[in-house]
Amino acid sequence: MPVRLGRVLVVDDDPDTVDLLTTILSDAGYEVVAAFTGGDGATTFDRVVEFGDGWMPIMRPKTNPVEKIPELRERLKKAGRDPKSAPVSIFFAPPKKPALDALEAAGVERAIFGVPSEARDAVLPRLDAYAAAMRG
């Protein structure tokens, strides 16, 4: 039986996104629980507190999941869990040093950048730019 790295709750209102993330995370060794509702509401946080080991929202132009981290931590605390027991990873984080510093200061453990499915000549410079942003 393969070793599981942990449990992850994947929540989004787009079933294709949930399916994709579920496949990627399962293949990487995580036990995935999927849900098809909004990603930062009370119901989602209740699910994270109940059985999730992390919250992985997608950074979108009109939403800032970082603002919800204190609420998630408080719900974990009220449930008797260590507030740090559910790490936060942000998908499609902005690849700029000030934004990455702000995410880290807010308690985000992982910032995940998007990489397009393009030719090597288009992708490698973007990866170099991401690495430079992380180094500062």
Protein backbone atom coordinates (compact mmCIF):
# COMPACT_ATOMS: atom_id res chain seq x y z
CA MET A 1 0.00 0.00 0.00
CA PRO A 2 1.47 3.40 -0.97
CA VAL A 3 2.41 5.87 1.74
CA ARG A 4 0.07 8.86 1.90
CA LEU A 5 1.61 12.29 2.48
CA GLY A 6 -1.53 13.64 4.14
CA ARG A 7 -5.12 14.54 3.43
CA VAL A 8 -6.07 17.54 1.31
CA LEU A 9 -9.50 19.05 0.84
CA VAL A 10 -9.99 20.39 -2.71
CA VAL A 11 -12.95 22.75 -3.06
CA ASP A 12 -13.97 24.78 -6.08
CA ASP A 13 -17.15 25.60 -7.96
CA ASP A 14 -15.64 24.34 -11.22
CA PRO A 15 -15.79 20.52 -11.40
CA ASP A 16 -13.00 20.42 -14.01
CA THR A 17 -10.67 22.29 -11.64
CA VAL A 18 -11.55 19.95 -8.78
CA ASP A 19 -10.98 16.91 -11.00
CA LEU A 20 -7.62 18.20 -12.22
CA LEU A 21 -6.33 19.07 -8.76
CA THR A 22 -7.63 15.80 -7.35
CA THR A 23 -5.74 13.85 -10.01
CA ILE A 24 -2.51 15.81 -9.53
CA LEU A 25 -2.57 15.57 -5.74
CA SER A 26 -3.60 11.91 -5.70
CA ASP A 27 -0.78 11.05 -8.09
CA ALA A 28 1.62 12.95 -5.80
CA GLY A 29 0.63 10.78 -2.86
CA TYR A 30 -2.09 12.75 -1.08
CA GLU A 31 -5.46 11.46 0.05
CA VAL A 32 -7.88 13.92 -1.55
CA VAL A 33 -11.37 14.86 -0.43
CA ALA A 34 -13.18 16.83 -3.15
CA ALA A 35 -16.11 19.23 -2.83
CA PHE A 36 -17.87 21.37 -5.40
CA THR A 37 -18.76 24.60 -3.63
CA GLY A 38 -17.17 28.00 -3.05
CA GLY A 39 -13.64 27.94 -1.69
CA ASP A 40 -13.61 30.26 1.32
CA GLY A 41 -17.03 30.11 2.92
CA ALA A 42 -18.12 28.73 6.26
CA THR A 43 -19.02 25.31 4.85
CA THR A 44 -15.59 24.92 3.31
CA PHE A 45 -13.84 25.91 6.53
CA ASP A 46 -16.02 23.48 8.48
CA ARG A 47 -14.84 20.72 6.13
CA VAL A 48 -11.20 21.73 6.56
CA VAL A 49 -11.58 21.73 10.34
CA GLU A 50 -13.37 18.37 10.32
CA PHE A 51 -11.10 16.32 8.10
CA GLY A 52 -8.80 18.42 5.96
CA ASP A 53 -5.09 18.82 6.40
CA GLY A 54 -4.77 21.96 4.31
CA TRP A 55 -6.49 24.74 2.41
CA MET A 56 -5.41 25.37 -1.19
CA PRO A 57 -7.41 28.28 -2.63
CA ILE A 58 -6.85 29.72 -6.07
CA MET A 59 -5.81 33.37 -6.24
CA ARG A 60 -8.26 35.12 -8.52
CA PRO A 61 -8.41 38.74 -9.67
CA LYS A 62 -11.43 39.68 -7.54
CA THR A 63 -10.69 37.59 -4.46
CA ASN A 64 -7.92 37.51 -1.91
CA PRO A 65 -7.94 34.24 0.04
CA VAL A 66 -5.26 35.62 2.36
CA GLU A 67 -7.95 37.71 4.06
CA LYS A 68 -9.66 34.47 5.13
CA ILE A 69 -6.66 32.84 6.81
CA PRO A 70 -7.37 34.32 10.28
CA GLU A 71 -10.94 32.98 10.11
CA LEU A 72 -9.69 29.51 9.18
CA ARG A 73 -7.12 29.55 12.00
CA GLU A 74 -9.79 30.64 14.52
CA ARG A 75 -12.15 27.83 13.44
CA LEU A 76 -9.35 25.30 13.86
CA LYS A 77 -8.58 26.65 17.33
CA LYS A 78 -12.25 26.51 18.39
CA ALA A 79 -12.38 22.88 17.23
CA GLY A 80 -9.43 22.02 19.45
CA ARG A 81 -6.95 21.73 16.60
CA ASP A 82 -3.61 23.43 16.32
CA PRO A 83 -4.25 26.49 14.10
CA LYS A 84 -1.15 25.59 12.08
CA SER A 85 -2.35 22.02 11.48
CA ALA A 86 -3.94 22.98 8.15
CA PRO A 87 -1.26 24.62 6.00
CA VAL A 88 -2.34 27.11 3.36
CA SER A 89 -1.07 26.86 -0.21
CA ILE A 90 -2.12 29.49 -2.74
CA PHE A 91 -2.51 28.43 -6.37
CA PHE A 92 -1.65 31.00 -9.04
CA ALA A 93 0.16 33.24 -6.58
CA PRO A 94 1.51 36.47 -8.07
CA PRO A 95 5.20 35.87 -8.92
CA LYS A 96 6.50 39.13 -7.48
CA LYS A 97 8.72 39.41 -4.39
CA PRO A 98 6.51 41.89 -2.46
CA ALA A 99 3.44 39.70 -3.06
CA LEU A 100 5.33 36.57 -1.98
CA ASP A 101 6.56 38.33 1.16
CA ALA A 102 2.98 39.38 1.96
CA LEU A 103 1.75 35.81 1.49
CA GLU A 104 4.46 34.49 3.79
CA ALA A 105 3.68 37.12 6.43
CA ALA A 106 0.00 36.11 6.28
CA GLY A 107 0.86 32.49 7.03
CA VAL A 108 0.84 30.98 3.55
CA GLU A 109 3.17 27.99 3.49
CA ARG A 110 3.32 27.49 -0.28
CA ALA A 111 2.88 29.83 -3.23
CA ILE A 112 2.19 27.90 -6.43
CA PHE A 113 2.69 29.60 -9.78
CA GLY A 114 0.91 28.83 -13.00
CA VAL A 115 2.93 27.55 -15.92
CA PRO A 116 1.36 27.53 -19.36
CA SER A 117 1.42 24.53 -21.61
CA GLU A 118 3.67 26.12 -24.20
CA ALA A 119 6.94 25.50 -25.96
CA ARG A 120 10.15 25.27 -23.98
CA ASP A 121 11.31 28.69 -25.21
CA ALA A 122 8.23 30.28 -23.65
CA VAL A 123 8.19 28.30 -20.40
CA LEU A 124 11.86 28.37 -19.36
CA PRO A 125 12.14 32.19 -19.21
CA ARG A 126 8.99 32.25 -17.07
CA LEU A 127 10.49 29.68 -14.70
CA ASP A 128 13.65 31.79 -14.49
CA ALA A 129 11.54 34.84 -13.64
CA TYR A 130 9.69 32.85 -10.93
CA ALA A 131 13.01 31.72 -9.42
CA ALA A 132 14.30 35.30 -9.42
CA ALA A 133 11.12 36.50 -7.66
CA MET A 134 11.56 33.86 -4.96
CA ARG A 135 15.20 34.77 -4.40
CA GLY A 136 14.35 38.46 -4.23
